[in-house]
């Protein structure tokens, strides 16, 4: 019996590996943003941000979210990326982008967050955005 388990970050990487398509410029940011959200829980982050961060993490693993990956493939990560940027902007508002950057490995995280948010907002309509925020209670 194989007892090697993958964490969800590895699953995201597998799901998006070699994705080439219309949204590849930011879809491939999904695993990076997911890992960053997880890593931020292990910091001295303001307690009021823990619940939104957990909500954004949970949104990735929920099979039937607003745009489900099982139905739409990589396109289904657009809503996950949107909620990640939404929550990370809350973190930046409270702690600044420098705080986030310390946990973002080699990426220019402020640029990634802002570009990913802009790209998702070009695609999502207001009803979808409200559904995403309502889904996790924001």
Protein backbone atom coordinates (compact mmCIF):
# COMPACT_ATOMS: atom_id res chain seq x y z
CA UNK A 1 0.00 0.00 0.00
CA UNK A 2 1.31 3.43 -0.97
CA UNK A 3 1.35 5.68 2.10
CA UNK A 4 2.71 8.77 0.40
CA UNK A 5 0.24 11.60 0.63
CA UNK A 6 0.26 14.83 -1.30
CA UNK A 7 -0.70 18.06 0.33
CA UNK A 8 -3.29 20.19 -1.45
CA UNK A 9 -0.64 22.57 -2.80
CA UNK A 10 0.89 19.64 -4.70
CA UNK A 11 -2.55 18.72 -6.02
CA UNK A 12 -3.02 22.26 -7.30
CA UNK A 13 0.36 22.14 -8.99
CA UNK A 14 -0.59 18.82 -10.64
CA UNK A 15 -3.96 20.18 -11.77
CA UNK A 16 -2.41 23.24 -13.36
CA UNK A 17 0.85 21.72 -14.58
CA UNK A 18 1.48 22.63 -18.18
CA UNK A 19 -1.75 24.65 -18.40
CA UNK A 20 -1.62 26.73 -21.52
CA UNK A 21 -4.64 28.79 -22.32
CA UNK A 22 -6.32 32.14 -22.36
CA UNK A 23 -5.89 32.71 -18.61
CA UNK A 24 -2.47 31.15 -18.02
CA UNK A 25 -0.97 34.56 -17.16
CA UNK A 26 -2.67 34.36 -13.76
CA UNK A 27 -4.25 30.89 -13.36
CA UNK A 28 -0.80 29.52 -12.59
CA UNK A 29 -0.68 31.91 -9.61
CA UNK A 30 -3.34 29.82 -7.87
CA UNK A 31 -0.96 27.39 -6.14
CA UNK A 32 1.35 30.23 -5.09
CA UNK A 33 -1.52 32.22 -3.57
CA UNK A 34 -2.91 29.10 -1.85
CA UNK A 35 0.47 28.29 -0.28
CA UNK A 36 0.91 31.90 0.80
CA UNK A 37 -2.46 31.91 2.55
CA UNK A 38 -1.50 28.69 4.37
CA UNK A 39 1.91 30.07 5.33
CA UNK A 40 0.38 33.28 6.69
CA UNK A 41 -1.55 31.27 9.27
CA UNK A 42 1.81 30.35 10.81
CA UNK A 43 2.78 33.98 11.38
CA UNK A 44 1.97 36.57 13.98
CA UNK A 45 -0.99 37.77 11.93
CA UNK A 46 -3.82 39.82 13.37
CA UNK A 47 -6.45 37.44 14.78
CA UNK A 48 -9.23 39.18 12.82
CA UNK A 49 -7.62 37.94 9.58
CA UNK A 50 -7.45 34.28 10.48
CA UNK A 51 -11.07 33.50 9.62
CA UNK A 52 -10.99 35.17 6.17
CA UNK A 53 -7.70 33.39 5.41
CA UNK A 54 -9.18 30.04 6.45
CA UNK A 55 -12.24 30.80 4.33
CA UNK A 56 -10.10 31.48 1.27
CA UNK A 57 -8.12 28.27 1.85
CA UNK A 58 -11.32 26.27 2.28
CA UNK A 59 -12.70 27.78 -0.91
CA UNK A 60 -9.91 26.08 -2.89
CA UNK A 61 -10.84 22.64 -1.61
CA UNK A 62 -14.62 23.01 -1.87
CA UNK A 63 -15.67 20.89 -4.85
CA UNK A 64 -18.84 22.80 -5.73
CA UNK A 65 -17.91 26.44 -5.35
CA UNK A 66 -19.19 29.23 -7.61
CA UNK A 67 -17.08 28.09 -10.60
CA UNK A 68 -16.27 24.41 -9.91
CA UNK A 69 -13.03 23.01 -11.29
CA UNK A 70 -14.69 19.64 -11.88
CA UNK A 71 -16.96 21.28 -14.44
CA UNK A 72 -14.73 24.03 -15.88
CA UNK A 73 -11.18 22.70 -15.47
CA UNK A 74 -8.49 25.36 -14.98
CA UNK A 75 -11.06 28.10 -15.63
CA UNK A 76 -12.64 26.96 -12.36
CA UNK A 77 -9.72 28.43 -10.42
CA UNK A 78 -10.62 32.00 -11.38
CA UNK A 79 -12.98 32.38 -8.42
CA UNK A 80 -10.42 30.79 -6.07
CA UNK A 81 -7.80 33.25 -7.23
CA UNK A 82 -10.21 36.16 -6.85
CA UNK A 83 -11.01 35.31 -3.21
CA UNK A 84 -7.30 34.81 -2.51
CA UNK A 85 -6.50 38.30 -3.79
CA UNK A 86 -9.45 39.75 -1.89
CA UNK A 87 -8.24 38.26 1.40
CA UNK A 88 -4.58 39.03 0.75
CA UNK A 89 -5.51 42.67 0.18
CA UNK A 90 -7.17 42.60 3.63
CA UNK A 91 -3.89 41.31 5.04
CA UNK A 92 -1.95 44.01 3.18
CA UNK A 93 -4.27 46.69 4.51
CA UNK A 94 -3.58 45.57 8.10
CA UNK A 95 0.09 44.53 7.84
CA UNK A 96 1.41 45.92 4.54
CA UNK A 97 2.76 44.15 1.49
CA UNK A 98 6.25 43.93 3.03
CA UNK A 99 4.82 41.62 5.70
CA UNK A 100 3.26 39.40 3.03
CA UNK A 101 6.41 39.48 0.89
CA UNK A 102 8.44 37.92 3.72
CA UNK A 103 6.36 34.77 3.27
CA UNK A 104 6.09 34.82 -0.52
CA UNK A 105 9.36 33.16 -1.47
CA UNK A 106 10.80 34.66 -4.68
CA UNK A 107 7.72 36.29 -6.16
CA UNK A 108 6.90 40.00 -6.33
CA UNK A 109 3.74 39.32 -4.37
CA UNK A 110 2.24 42.80 -4.48
CA UNK A 111 2.43 42.79 -8.28
CA UNK A 112 1.07 39.23 -8.45
CA UNK A 113 -1.88 40.03 -6.17
CA UNK A 114 -2.81 43.20 -8.03
CA UNK A 115 -2.45 41.68 -11.51
CA UNK A 116 -4.36 38.54 -10.52
CA UNK A 117 -7.15 40.61 -9.03
CA UNK A 118 -7.43 42.78 -12.15
CA UNK A 119 -7.53 39.73 -14.43
CA UNK A 120 -10.22 38.01 -12.36
CA UNK A 121 -12.31 41.18 -12.24
CA UNK A 122 -12.20 41.35 -16.05
CA UNK A 123 -13.85 37.91 -16.15
CA UNK A 124 -16.16 37.69 -13.15
CA UNK A 125 -19.45 39.54 -13.12
CA UNK A 126 -20.88 41.31 -10.07
CA UNK A 127 -23.28 38.47 -9.29
CA UNK A 128 -20.41 35.94 -9.26
CA UNK A 129 -18.29 38.21 -7.07
CA UNK A 130 -21.11 38.61 -4.55
CA UNK A 131 -21.71 34.83 -4.61
CA UNK A 132 -18.03 34.15 -3.92
CA UNK A 133 -17.90 36.59 -1.01
CA UNK A 134 -21.17 35.27 0.41
CA UNK A 135 -19.96 31.68 0.08
CA UNK A 136 -17.23 32.27 2.65
CA UNK A 137 -19.13 34.82 4.69
CA UNK A 138 -17.43 38.06 3.66
